[in-house]
N, C-alpha and C. Protein backbone atom coordinates (compact mmCIF):
# COMPACT_ATOMS: atom_id res chain seq x y z
N UNK A 1 105.82 92.46 82.45
CA UNK A 1 107.27 92.83 82.42
C UNK A 1 107.69 92.67 83.78
N UNK A 2 108.80 91.98 84.02
CA UNK A 2 109.35 91.87 85.52
C UNK A 2 110.67 92.83 85.63
N UNK A 3 110.51 93.87 86.42
CA UNK A 3 111.88 94.50 86.68
C UNK A 3 113.16 93.57 86.86
N UNK A 4 114.33 94.78 86.58
CA UNK A 4 115.44 93.75 86.65
C UNK A 4 115.94 93.62 88.41
N UNK A 5 116.56 92.86 88.64
CA UNK A 5 117.27 92.62 89.71
C UNK A 5 118.19 93.77 90.20
N UNK A 6 117.33 94.52 91.35
CA UNK A 6 118.09 95.81 91.86
C UNK A 6 119.41 95.52 92.42
N UNK A 7 119.91 94.33 92.85
CA UNK A 7 121.08 93.84 93.80
C UNK A 7 122.15 93.57 92.39
N UNK A 8 121.91 93.53 91.27
CA UNK A 8 122.59 93.40 90.38
C UNK A 8 122.75 94.68 89.48
N UNK A 9 121.61 95.23 88.93
CA UNK A 9 121.59 96.59 88.34
C UNK A 9 121.82 98.00 88.91
N UNK A 10 121.73 97.79 90.31
CA UNK A 10 121.98 99.04 91.10
C UNK A 10 121.38 100.18 90.92
N UNK A 11 119.87 100.33 90.63
CA UNK A 11 119.25 101.45 90.56
C UNK A 11 119.51 102.84 91.15
N UNK A 12 119.76 102.53 92.34
CA UNK A 12 120.13 103.39 93.50
C UNK A 12 121.60 104.39 92.93
N UNK A 13 122.33 103.64 92.19
CA UNK A 13 123.52 104.19 91.54
C UNK A 13 123.53 104.62 90.26
N UNK A 14 122.21 104.55 89.70
CA UNK A 14 122.15 105.03 88.24
C UNK A 14 121.70 103.89 87.31
N UNK A 15 121.63 102.69 87.94
CA UNK A 15 121.21 101.33 86.81
C UNK A 15 119.83 101.60 86.60
N UNK A 16 119.36 100.22 85.65
CA UNK A 16 118.16 100.68 85.26
C UNK A 16 117.31 99.54 85.94
N UNK A 17 116.03 99.92 86.02
CA UNK A 17 114.99 98.92 86.55
C UNK A 17 114.16 98.14 85.49
N UNK A 18 114.36 98.56 84.43
CA UNK A 18 113.61 97.70 83.45
C UNK A 18 114.78 97.27 81.88
N UNK A 19 114.38 96.11 81.44
CA UNK A 19 115.19 95.76 80.35
C UNK A 19 115.43 97.09 79.50
N UNK A 20 116.66 97.29 78.40
CA UNK A 20 116.54 97.82 77.15
C UNK A 20 115.48 97.97 76.65
N UNK A 21 114.84 96.86 76.12
CA UNK A 21 113.74 96.78 75.11
C UNK A 21 112.47 97.40 75.79
N UNK A 22 112.33 97.11 77.02
CA UNK A 22 110.99 98.00 77.62
C UNK A 22 111.55 99.67 77.64
N UNK A 23 112.47 99.91 77.77
CA UNK A 23 112.93 101.45 77.77
C UNK A 23 112.79 101.99 76.39
N UNK A 24 113.35 101.15 75.39
CA UNK A 24 113.57 101.85 73.82
C UNK A 24 111.88 101.93 73.65
N UNK A 25 110.83 100.96 74.23
CA UNK A 25 109.41 100.99 73.82
C UNK A 25 108.84 102.27 74.57
N UNK A 26 109.21 102.66 75.41
CA UNK A 26 108.61 103.81 76.12
C UNK A 26 109.13 105.08 75.73
N UNK A 27 110.33 105.27 75.09
CA UNK A 27 110.83 106.03 74.31
C UNK A 27 109.88 106.24 73.22
N UNK A 28 109.78 105.20 72.34
CA UNK A 28 108.89 105.36 71.07
C UNK A 28 107.76 105.81 71.56
N UNK A 29 106.98 105.02 72.69
CA UNK A 29 105.79 105.28 73.09
C UNK A 29 105.50 106.83 73.08
N UNK A 30 106.42 107.59 73.90
CA UNK A 30 106.18 108.97 74.23
C UNK A 30 106.58 109.51 73.37
N UNK A 31 107.31 109.39 72.59
CA UNK A 31 107.41 110.31 71.31
C UNK A 31 106.33 110.44 70.14
N UNK A 32 105.69 109.10 70.13
CA UNK A 32 104.43 108.73 69.50
C UNK A 32 103.36 109.70 69.93
N UNK A 33 103.14 109.30 71.15
CA UNK A 33 101.89 110.22 72.23
C UNK A 33 102.06 111.62 71.90
N UNK A 34 102.97 112.07 71.91
CA UNK A 34 103.48 113.63 72.07
C UNK A 34 103.23 114.25 70.42
N UNK A 35 103.60 113.53 69.61
CA UNK A 35 103.36 114.21 68.12
C UNK A 35 102.01 113.74 67.69
N UNK A 36 101.63 112.71 67.94
CA UNK A 36 100.14 112.39 67.54
C UNK A 36 98.82 112.41 68.15
N UNK A 37 99.15 112.73 69.77
CA UNK A 37 97.77 112.51 70.08
C UNK A 37 97.96 113.77 71.58
N UNK A 38 99.25 114.29 71.88
CA UNK A 38 99.26 115.21 73.09
C UNK A 38 98.35 116.39 72.95
N UNK A 39 98.42 116.96 71.82
CA UNK A 39 97.97 118.35 71.43
C UNK A 39 96.68 118.09 70.60
N UNK A 40 96.01 117.20 70.69
CA UNK A 40 94.90 116.70 69.60
C UNK A 40 93.52 117.30 70.62
N UNK A 41 92.51 118.00 69.62
CA UNK A 41 91.63 118.39 70.24
C UNK A 41 90.54 117.10 71.30
N UNK A 42 90.10 117.67 72.28
CA UNK A 42 89.27 116.57 73.15
C UNK A 42 88.61 115.60 72.31
N UNK A 43 87.68 116.07 71.49
CA UNK A 43 86.85 115.21 70.59
C UNK A 43 87.37 113.80 70.03
N UNK A 44 88.68 113.82 69.79
CA UNK A 44 89.47 113.10 68.74
C UNK A 44 89.88 111.77 69.94
N UNK A 45 88.85 111.49 70.60
CA UNK A 45 88.97 110.07 71.63
C UNK A 45 89.28 108.72 70.86
N UNK A 46 88.59 108.85 69.78
CA UNK A 46 88.66 107.49 68.91
C UNK A 46 90.09 107.40 68.23
N UNK A 47 90.75 108.64 67.93
CA UNK A 47 92.01 108.52 67.32
C UNK A 47 93.15 108.17 68.40
N UNK A 48 92.55 108.69 69.52
CA UNK A 48 93.86 108.49 70.59
C UNK A 48 93.50 106.97 71.23
N UNK A 49 92.47 106.52 71.00
CA UNK A 49 92.46 105.33 71.54
C UNK A 49 92.75 104.15 70.78
N UNK A 50 92.93 104.39 69.06
CA UNK A 50 93.48 103.75 68.24
C UNK A 50 95.14 103.76 68.49
N UNK A 51 95.82 104.69 68.70
CA UNK A 51 97.21 104.92 69.12
C UNK A 51 97.44 104.05 70.44
N UNK A 52 96.60 104.01 71.54
CA UNK A 52 96.66 103.23 72.48
C UNK A 52 96.73 101.69 72.34
N UNK A 53 96.05 101.61 71.59
CA UNK A 53 95.51 99.90 71.00
C UNK A 53 97.18 99.41 70.18
N UNK A 54 97.78 100.79 69.61
CA UNK A 54 98.96 100.21 68.55
C UNK A 54 99.79 99.75 69.45
N UNK A 55 99.83 100.31 70.82
CA UNK A 55 100.94 100.00 71.68
C UNK A 55 100.71 98.89 72.97
N UNK A 56 99.57 98.29 72.53
CA UNK A 56 99.17 97.15 73.14
C UNK A 56 97.95 97.48 74.66
N UNK A 57 97.43 98.49 74.45
CA UNK A 57 96.06 98.76 75.34
C UNK A 57 95.18 98.06 75.00
N UNK A 58 94.57 97.73 75.93
CA UNK A 58 93.09 97.14 75.67
C UNK A 58 92.08 97.88 76.14
N UNK A 59 91.30 98.74 75.24
CA UNK A 59 90.37 99.61 75.08
C UNK A 59 89.02 99.32 74.77
N UNK A 60 87.98 99.31 75.70
CA UNK A 60 86.70 99.09 75.38
C UNK A 60 86.15 99.92 74.50
N UNK A 61 85.02 99.37 73.79
CA UNK A 61 84.05 100.52 73.10
C UNK A 61 83.92 101.69 73.92
N UNK A 62 83.64 102.81 73.21
CA UNK A 62 83.68 104.17 73.97
C UNK A 62 84.15 104.60 75.07
N UNK A 63 85.64 103.79 75.12
CA UNK A 63 86.12 104.74 76.28
C UNK A 63 86.69 105.67 75.66
N UNK A 64 87.25 106.64 76.40
CA UNK A 64 88.03 108.19 76.11
C UNK A 64 88.95 108.22 76.99
N UNK A 65 90.30 108.88 76.38
CA UNK A 65 91.21 109.35 77.00
C UNK A 65 91.87 110.73 76.48
N UNK A 66 92.05 111.77 77.56
CA UNK A 66 92.22 112.92 77.07
C UNK A 66 93.74 112.73 76.66
N UNK A 67 94.30 113.74 75.79
CA UNK A 67 95.44 113.92 75.22
C UNK A 67 96.54 114.49 76.26
N UNK A 68 96.22 115.02 77.30
CA UNK A 68 97.14 115.56 78.29
C UNK A 68 97.32 114.27 79.39
N UNK A 69 96.74 113.00 79.00
CA UNK A 69 96.71 112.20 80.33
C UNK A 69 98.07 111.56 80.08
N UNK A 70 98.76 111.31 81.08
CA UNK A 70 100.24 110.78 80.76
C UNK A 70 100.29 109.08 81.12
N UNK A 71 100.36 108.38 80.37
CA UNK A 71 100.53 106.93 80.32
C UNK A 71 102.10 106.45 80.45
N UNK A 72 102.43 105.46 81.36
CA UNK A 72 104.05 105.19 81.34
C UNK A 72 103.70 104.23 80.38
N UNK A 73 103.12 103.23 80.07
CA UNK A 73 103.48 102.13 78.86
C UNK A 73 101.90 101.66 78.41
N UNK A 74 101.28 101.82 77.65
CA UNK A 74 99.78 101.18 77.27
C UNK A 74 99.88 99.87 77.18
N UNK A 75 100.89 99.00 76.89
CA UNK A 75 100.73 97.52 77.11
C UNK A 75 100.49 97.42 78.24
N UNK A 76 100.33 97.88 79.30
CA UNK A 76 100.15 97.58 80.88
C UNK A 76 98.42 98.33 81.11
N UNK A 77 97.75 98.57 80.34
CA UNK A 77 96.74 99.45 80.54
C UNK A 77 95.59 98.69 79.72
N UNK A 78 94.11 98.68 80.93
CA UNK A 78 93.10 98.12 80.23
C UNK A 78 91.95 99.24 80.65
N UNK A 79 91.28 99.57 79.78
CA UNK A 79 89.89 100.38 79.98
C UNK A 79 88.82 99.54 79.34
N UNK A 80 87.69 99.64 80.17
CA UNK A 80 86.32 98.89 80.13
C UNK A 80 85.73 99.77 79.23
N UNK A 81 84.52 99.76 78.63
CA UNK A 81 83.51 100.40 77.80
C UNK A 81 83.14 101.90 78.48
N UNK A 82 83.09 102.85 77.76
CA UNK A 82 83.02 103.93 78.31
C UNK A 82 83.46 104.72 79.48
N UNK A 83 84.85 103.93 79.64
CA UNK A 83 85.64 104.73 80.85
C UNK A 83 86.28 105.85 80.30
N UNK A 84 86.60 106.63 81.35
CA UNK A 84 87.02 107.82 80.74
C UNK A 84 88.18 108.19 81.75
N UNK A 85 89.49 108.42 81.06
CA UNK A 85 90.40 109.22 81.54
C UNK A 85 90.60 110.75 81.55
N UNK A 86 90.44 111.27 82.38
CA UNK A 86 90.38 112.96 82.20
C UNK A 86 91.46 113.46 81.90
N UNK A 87 91.54 114.90 81.83
CA UNK A 87 92.67 115.85 81.46
C UNK A 87 93.63 115.83 82.53
N UNK A 88 94.87 115.60 82.33
CA UNK A 88 95.91 115.78 82.98
C UNK A 88 96.29 114.48 84.16
N UNK A 89 95.54 113.45 83.68
CA UNK A 89 95.55 112.25 84.51
C UNK A 89 97.01 111.68 84.38
N UNK A 90 97.29 111.11 85.51
CA UNK A 90 99.01 110.18 85.54
C UNK A 90 98.49 108.96 85.80
N UNK A 91 98.89 108.14 84.77
CA UNK A 91 98.70 106.41 85.14
C UNK A 91 100.14 106.05 84.83
N UNK A 92 100.78 105.98 86.20
CA UNK A 92 101.97 105.30 86.38
C UNK A 92 102.01 103.89 86.16
N UNK A 93 101.67 103.10 85.29
CA UNK A 93 101.48 101.71 85.12
C UNK A 93 102.40 101.07 84.80
N UNK A 94 103.51 101.28 85.74
CA UNK A 94 104.77 99.94 85.72
C UNK A 94 104.41 98.80 85.94
N UNK A 95 103.16 98.46 86.70
CA UNK A 95 102.24 97.20 86.93
C UNK A 95 100.98 97.78 86.15
N UNK A 96 100.32 96.67 85.95
CA UNK A 96 98.96 96.98 85.30
C UNK A 96 98.08 97.52 85.81
N UNK A 97 97.07 98.54 85.18
CA UNK A 97 96.08 99.16 85.64
C UNK A 97 94.81 98.95 84.82
N UNK A 98 93.88 98.57 85.43
CA UNK A 98 92.68 98.14 84.66
C UNK A 98 91.61 99.09 85.56
N UNK A 99 91.04 99.58 84.63
CA UNK A 99 89.90 100.76 84.78
C UNK A 99 88.41 100.03 83.99
N UNK A 100 87.42 99.64 84.92
CA UNK A 100 86.41 98.93 84.43
C UNK A 100 85.55 100.10 83.83
N UNK A 101 84.21 99.36 83.38
CA UNK A 101 83.16 100.20 82.56
C UNK A 101 82.57 101.21 83.27
N UNK A 102 82.44 102.35 82.14
CA UNK A 102 81.86 103.63 82.88
C UNK A 102 82.40 104.15 84.22
N UNK A 103 83.74 103.86 84.42
CA UNK A 103 84.22 104.41 85.51
C UNK A 103 85.08 105.78 84.94
N UNK A 104 85.17 106.75 85.96
CA UNK A 104 85.56 108.12 85.65
C UNK A 104 86.85 108.20 86.55
N UNK A 105 88.08 108.70 85.71
CA UNK A 105 89.24 109.05 86.49
C UNK A 105 89.29 110.42 86.07
N UNK A 106 89.26 111.49 86.94
CA UNK A 106 89.10 112.65 86.84
C UNK A 106 90.43 113.47 86.77
N UNK A 107 90.13 114.64 86.24
CA UNK A 107 91.62 115.48 86.22
C UNK A 107 92.50 115.44 87.08
N UNK A 108 93.73 115.46 86.55
CA UNK A 108 95.06 115.16 87.62
C UNK A 108 95.01 114.16 88.52
N UNK A 109 94.31 113.43 88.43
CA UNK A 109 94.36 112.43 89.51
C UNK A 109 95.51 111.36 89.24
N UNK A 110 95.71 110.58 90.21
CA UNK A 110 97.48 109.80 89.86
C UNK A 110 97.10 108.47 90.36
N UNK A 111 97.19 107.51 89.21
CA UNK A 111 97.27 106.17 89.77
C UNK A 111 98.83 105.30 89.88
N UNK A 112 99.39 104.82 90.67
CA UNK A 112 100.65 104.39 90.88
C UNK A 112 100.70 103.07 91.11
N UNK A 113 101.16 102.19 90.16
CA UNK A 113 101.05 100.58 90.38
C UNK A 113 102.46 99.81 90.73
N UNK A 114 103.15 100.63 91.28
CA UNK A 114 104.55 100.17 91.56
C UNK A 114 104.83 100.74 92.96
N UNK A 115 105.87 100.06 93.58
CA UNK A 115 106.39 100.69 94.99
C UNK A 115 108.03 100.12 94.68
N UNK A 116 108.54 100.22 96.15
CA UNK A 116 109.83 99.24 96.26
C UNK A 116 109.92 98.63 97.58
N UNK A 117 110.81 97.56 97.40
CA UNK A 117 110.71 96.82 98.67
C UNK A 117 111.38 97.60 99.76
N UNK A 118 110.59 98.00 100.98
CA UNK A 118 111.22 98.72 101.53
C UNK A 118 112.51 98.28 102.50
N UNK A 119 112.66 96.96 102.56
CA UNK A 119 113.48 96.35 103.76
C UNK A 119 114.59 95.84 102.74
N UNK A 120 114.59 96.00 101.68
CA UNK A 120 115.85 95.70 100.62
C UNK A 120 116.69 97.01 100.46
N UNK A 121 118.02 96.66 100.85
CA UNK A 121 119.05 97.61 100.69
C UNK A 121 119.09 98.34 99.62
N UNK A 122 118.67 97.28 98.41
CA UNK A 122 118.73 98.04 96.82
C UNK A 122 117.61 98.36 96.61
N UNK A 123 116.45 98.64 97.07
CA UNK A 123 115.05 99.21 97.25
C UNK A 123 114.89 98.47 95.70
N UNK A 124 114.48 97.39 95.77
CA UNK A 124 113.75 96.74 94.55
C UNK A 124 112.45 97.29 94.07
N UNK A 125 112.40 97.39 92.94
CA UNK A 125 111.03 97.72 92.23
C UNK A 125 110.26 96.81 92.38
N UNK A 126 108.93 96.88 93.00
CA UNK A 126 107.64 96.18 93.09
C UNK A 126 106.61 96.37 92.26
N UNK A 127 106.19 95.50 91.27
CA UNK A 127 104.97 95.95 90.44
C UNK A 127 103.68 95.55 91.35
N UNK A 128 102.66 96.26 91.74
CA UNK A 128 101.59 96.00 92.52
C UNK A 128 100.37 96.28 91.39
N UNK A 129 99.45 95.52 90.65
CA UNK A 129 98.56 96.01 89.99
C UNK A 129 97.49 96.78 90.69
N UNK A 130 96.71 97.67 90.03
CA UNK A 130 95.69 98.52 90.32
C UNK A 130 94.19 98.11 89.60
N UNK A 131 93.02 97.71 90.25
CA UNK A 131 92.03 97.39 89.77
C UNK A 131 90.88 98.33 90.17
N UNK A 132 90.52 99.26 88.93
CA UNK A 132 89.23 99.94 89.50
C UNK A 132 87.88 99.37 88.65
N UNK A 133 86.89 98.72 89.41
CA UNK A 133 85.83 98.14 89.02
C UNK A 133 85.13 99.07 88.11
N UNK A 134 83.94 98.86 87.98
CA UNK A 134 82.90 99.59 86.96
C UNK A 134 81.99 100.55 87.79
N UNK A 135 81.93 101.79 87.00
CA UNK A 135 80.85 102.66 87.46
C UNK A 135 81.75 103.76 89.01
N UNK A 136 82.87 103.57 88.93
CA UNK A 136 83.91 103.98 90.06
C UNK A 136 84.09 105.43 89.48
N UNK A 137 84.47 106.38 90.56
CA UNK A 137 84.90 107.40 90.25
C UNK A 137 86.00 107.94 91.29
N UNK A 138 87.17 108.26 90.63
CA UNK A 138 88.35 108.55 91.07
C UNK A 138 88.30 110.15 91.01
N UNK A 139 87.96 111.09 91.64
CA UNK A 139 87.78 112.40 91.47
C UNK A 139 89.08 113.23 91.38
N UNK A 140 89.18 114.54 91.09
CA UNK A 140 90.06 115.47 90.85
C UNK A 140 91.21 115.16 91.94
N UNK A 141 92.36 115.17 91.41
CA UNK A 141 93.88 115.07 91.85
C UNK A 141 93.88 113.93 93.27
N UNK A 142 92.97 113.11 93.08
CA UNK A 142 93.00 112.01 94.22
C UNK A 142 94.32 110.92 93.67
N UNK A 143 94.92 110.22 94.55
CA UNK A 143 95.99 109.51 94.45
C UNK A 143 95.45 108.16 94.65
N UNK A 144 95.58 107.04 93.85
CA UNK A 144 95.10 105.42 94.28
C UNK A 144 96.50 104.79 94.18
N UNK A 145 97.16 104.04 95.12
CA UNK A 145 98.23 103.75 95.64
C UNK A 145 98.49 102.28 94.97
N UNK A 146 99.79 101.74 95.13
CA UNK A 146 99.89 100.39 94.20
C UNK A 146 99.25 99.28 95.11
N UNK A 147 98.73 98.13 94.34
CA UNK A 147 98.11 97.11 95.02
C UNK A 147 96.71 97.47 95.38
N UNK A 148 96.16 98.47 94.99
CA UNK A 148 94.69 98.67 95.37
C UNK A 148 93.50 98.38 94.52
N UNK A 149 92.47 97.90 95.03
CA UNK A 149 91.39 97.59 94.10
C UNK A 149 90.13 98.43 94.69
N UNK A 150 89.65 99.18 93.83
CA UNK A 150 88.22 99.87 94.07
C UNK A 150 87.16 99.12 93.52
N UNK A 151 86.43 98.46 94.28
CA UNK A 151 85.36 97.56 93.94
C UNK A 151 84.31 98.38 93.25
N UNK A 152 83.09 97.96 92.57
CA UNK A 152 82.60 98.33 91.81
C UNK A 152 81.67 99.51 92.68
N UNK A 153 81.53 100.70 91.72
CA UNK A 153 80.63 102.04 92.24
C UNK A 153 81.33 102.81 93.46
N UNK A 154 82.63 102.69 93.89
CA UNK A 154 83.22 102.96 94.80
C UNK A 154 83.77 104.43 94.19
N UNK A 155 83.70 105.14 95.52
CA UNK A 155 84.17 106.70 95.07
C UNK A 155 85.44 107.13 95.79
N UNK A 156 86.32 107.67 95.27
CA UNK A 156 87.40 108.48 95.99
C UNK A 156 87.46 109.82 95.73
N UNK A 157 87.11 110.73 97.34
CA UNK A 157 86.77 112.13 96.75
C UNK A 157 88.09 113.13 96.46
N UNK A 158 88.02 114.20 95.92
CA UNK A 158 89.00 115.12 95.73
C UNK A 158 90.21 115.07 96.56
N UNK A 159 91.32 114.60 95.94
CA UNK A 159 92.62 114.86 96.75
C UNK A 159 92.82 113.87 97.71
N UNK A 160 92.22 112.98 97.90
CA UNK A 160 92.14 111.70 98.76
C UNK A 160 93.00 110.93 98.09
N UNK A 161 93.80 110.22 99.35
CA UNK A 161 94.74 109.35 98.95
C UNK A 161 94.24 107.83 99.60
N UNK A 162 94.22 106.68 98.50
CA UNK A 162 93.62 105.60 98.72
C UNK A 162 94.82 104.66 98.81
N UNK A 163 95.30 103.91 99.63
CA UNK A 163 96.17 103.00 100.29
C UNK A 163 95.74 101.62 100.30
N UNK A 164 94.53 101.42 100.52
CA UNK A 164 93.87 99.77 100.73
C UNK A 164 92.50 99.87 99.82
N UNK A 165 91.99 98.73 99.53
CA UNK A 165 90.81 98.50 98.95
C UNK A 165 89.79 99.27 99.42
N UNK A 166 89.05 99.36 98.54
CA UNK A 166 87.67 100.42 98.83
C UNK A 166 86.50 99.24 98.47
N UNK A 167 85.80 99.22 99.47
CA UNK A 167 84.53 98.44 99.36
C UNK A 167 83.64 98.75 98.10
N UNK A 168 82.65 98.15 97.88
CA UNK A 168 81.74 98.30 96.73
C UNK A 168 80.85 99.56 97.02
N UNK A 169 80.66 100.39 96.31
CA UNK A 169 79.65 101.53 96.45
C UNK A 169 80.19 102.57 97.88
N UNK A 170 81.24 102.29 98.32
CA UNK A 170 81.85 102.98 99.42
C UNK A 170 82.26 104.38 98.79
N UNK A 171 82.14 105.43 99.76
CA UNK A 171 82.70 106.53 99.48
C UNK A 171 83.79 106.94 100.37
N UNK A 172 85.01 107.11 99.79
CA UNK A 172 86.28 107.44 100.54
C UNK A 172 86.52 108.92 100.34
N UNK A 173 87.03 109.46 101.60
CA UNK A 173 88.00 110.58 101.52
C UNK A 173 88.99 110.97 102.51
N UNK A 174 89.74 111.82 102.24
CA UNK A 174 90.97 111.97 103.30
C UNK A 174 92.07 111.45 102.64
N UNK A 175 93.42 111.58 103.86
CA UNK A 175 94.64 111.01 103.55
C UNK A 175 95.43 110.76 104.81
N UNK A 176 95.12 109.42 105.01
CA UNK A 176 94.82 108.26 104.25
C UNK A 176 93.16 108.11 104.12
N UNK A 177 92.63 107.65 103.02
CA UNK A 177 91.51 107.45 102.62
C UNK A 177 90.52 106.55 103.83
N UNK A 178 89.23 107.31 104.21
CA UNK A 178 88.64 106.40 104.88
C UNK A 178 87.11 106.63 104.24
N UNK A 179 86.43 105.24 104.45
CA UNK A 179 85.23 105.27 104.26
C UNK A 179 84.12 106.37 105.02
N UNK A 180 83.60 107.01 104.24
CA UNK A 180 82.39 108.07 105.36
C UNK A 180 81.16 107.89 104.95
N UNK A 181 80.69 107.10 103.94
CA UNK A 181 79.32 106.87 103.72
C UNK A 181 79.26 105.78 102.53
N UNK A 182 78.10 105.04 102.11
CA UNK A 182 77.61 104.43 101.25
C UNK A 182 77.27 105.30 100.11
N UNK A 183 77.61 104.84 98.76
CA UNK A 183 77.37 105.68 97.83
C UNK A 183 75.86 105.00 97.14
N UNK A 184 74.66 105.80 96.81
CA UNK A 184 73.25 105.36 96.63
C UNK A 184 72.84 105.91 95.41
N UNK A 185 73.12 104.74 94.49
CA UNK A 185 72.50 104.92 93.03
C UNK A 185 71.64 104.09 93.22
N UNK A 186 70.47 104.47 92.05
CA UNK A 186 69.16 103.45 91.67
C UNK A 186 69.82 102.08 91.31
């Protein structure tokens, strides 16, 4: 979904960034998640995955999403097999977010797949997809910014903020996150 032209809709003056259809889908989605998934026991991952699929998410076998996760719109979400979205994770997926197989997004992490055109006086919304490769780990309360790719097996430490791509098997920490070492897996 492409955002509306900010020079026409004037979001800084209260105008919409997305078409009415998109906004209605998000309202229906939010109500559905609240009623059918938000307060379900942690073991009900299959149920929550089914609800996400009903709203257009592509969910791999064995992927788990906790009920307290906040997802802007499932149609822009793809989870690989056995991926885990932990408690309180915020997936602000105005742009597409892809999480690879066996990757873990830990509690209260925040992935934001949009930004604004800084040199535009109308502050145009810009969608910038996030790609988390396979066997990655985004630790507790970390932030992954718009347009970032975390290549396979990379790690973002707790409370770190990643604004540039992460190398395969790299371990990153800090704000802004910097590579501190290579991950050693068998």
